[in-house]
Amino acid sequence: MDRLQVAESPEMVRLKPIEVAVEILHGLGIALGLSLLWTMEAVRDRVFRLLDRVNVRPRIRPASAFPPGQPRKHPHAAERVD
């Protein structure tokens, strides 16, 4: 016999109509979000397959987060006068 049995049956709580509507909207939001992610992934996959088909080469020069030129001078915390 299985030892992991529930001793009491779970208590059912009757939801108000507004609570039912909120739960339905929550489920719809999750479903729409997942379908949006799935659609974006499908579009991304199609774009990369198209780029592979036309044999587009990746960037020769690696992209940088820092623009070319001299870096800006920042005052040090010890030199600041408030």
Protein backbone atom coordinates (compact mmCIF):
# COMPACT_ATOMS: atom_id res chain seq x y z
CA MET A 1 0.00 0.00 0.00
CA ASP A 2 1.22 3.50 -0.78
CA ARG A 3 2.29 5.40 2.33
CA LEU A 4 2.05 8.81 0.62
CA GLN A 5 -1.70 9.19 0.80
CA VAL A 6 -3.49 12.39 1.65
CA ALA A 7 -5.24 12.06 4.97
CA GLU A 8 -7.88 14.68 4.17
CA SER A 9 -9.41 15.62 0.88
CA PRO A 10 -8.50 19.14 -0.24
CA GLU A 11 -11.05 21.77 0.57
CA MET A 12 -12.70 23.39 -2.44
CA VAL A 13 -13.09 27.15 -2.31
CA ARG A 14 -15.75 28.78 -4.43
CA LEU A 15 -14.30 31.67 -6.42
CA LYS A 16 -16.14 34.91 -7.01
CA PRO A 17 -16.87 35.79 -10.66
CA ILE A 18 -14.20 38.51 -10.64
CA GLU A 19 -11.61 36.03 -9.34
CA VAL A 20 -12.54 33.59 -12.11
CA ALA A 21 -12.11 36.38 -14.67
CA VAL A 22 -8.71 37.31 -13.22
CA GLU A 23 -7.55 33.67 -13.39
CA ILE A 24 -8.74 33.39 -17.00
CA LEU A 25 -6.97 36.63 -17.97
CA HIS A 26 -3.81 35.43 -16.22
CA GLY A 27 -3.87 32.20 -18.22
CA LEU A 28 -4.51 34.08 -21.46
CA GLY A 29 -1.59 36.40 -20.72
CA ILE A 30 0.73 33.46 -20.18
CA ALA A 31 -0.47 31.79 -23.38
CA LEU A 32 -0.07 34.99 -25.42
CA GLY A 33 3.41 35.59 -24.01
CA LEU A 34 4.54 32.07 -24.84
CA SER A 35 3.09 32.30 -28.34
CA LEU A 36 4.89 35.62 -28.86
CA LEU A 37 8.19 34.05 -27.79
CA TRP A 38 7.56 31.08 -30.08
CA THR A 39 6.79 33.41 -33.02
CA MET A 40 9.93 35.49 -32.38
CA GLU A 41 12.05 32.32 -32.28
CA ALA A 42 10.50 31.12 -35.56
CA VAL A 43 11.24 34.47 -37.24
CA ARG A 44 14.80 34.46 -35.90
CA ASP A 45 15.33 30.94 -37.19
CA ARG A 46 14.01 31.90 -40.66
CA VAL A 47 16.26 34.98 -40.83
CA PHE A 48 19.39 33.05 -39.89
CA ARG A 49 18.55 30.28 -42.37
CA LEU A 50 18.11 32.93 -45.07
CA LEU A 51 21.45 34.51 -44.15
CA ASP A 52 23.10 31.09 -44.33
CA ARG A 53 21.52 30.47 -47.72
CA VAL A 54 22.84 33.73 -49.20
CA ASN A 55 26.20 33.06 -47.52
CA VAL A 56 26.49 36.29 -45.53
CA ARG A 57 29.78 36.39 -43.67
CA PRO A 58 29.94 37.55 -40.05
CA ARG A 59 31.57 40.85 -39.17
CA ILE A 60 35.28 40.95 -39.85
CA ARG A 61 36.01 43.41 -37.09
CA PRO A 62 34.63 42.52 -33.67
CA ALA A 63 32.03 44.92 -32.40
CA SER A 64 32.98 47.03 -29.40
CA ALA A 65 30.89 48.61 -26.68
CA PHE A 66 33.37 51.48 -26.47
CA PRO A 67 33.46 54.13 -29.22
CA PRO A 68 36.80 55.01 -30.81
CA GLY A 69 38.77 57.99 -29.53
CA GLN A 70 40.04 59.17 -26.20
CA PRO A 71 38.11 58.06 -23.13
CA ARG A 72 36.37 60.75 -21.13
CA LYS A 73 38.09 62.09 -18.04
CA HIS A 74 36.16 61.33 -14.88
CA PRO A 75 36.92 63.23 -11.67
CA HIS A 76 38.12 61.02 -8.85
CA ALA A 77 36.07 60.81 -5.68
CA ALA A 78 38.91 62.37 -3.62
CA GLU A 79 39.14 65.39 -5.95
CA ARG A 80 35.43 66.22 -5.94
CA VAL A 81 34.35 69.25 -3.99
CA ASP A 82 30.69 69.39 -2.99
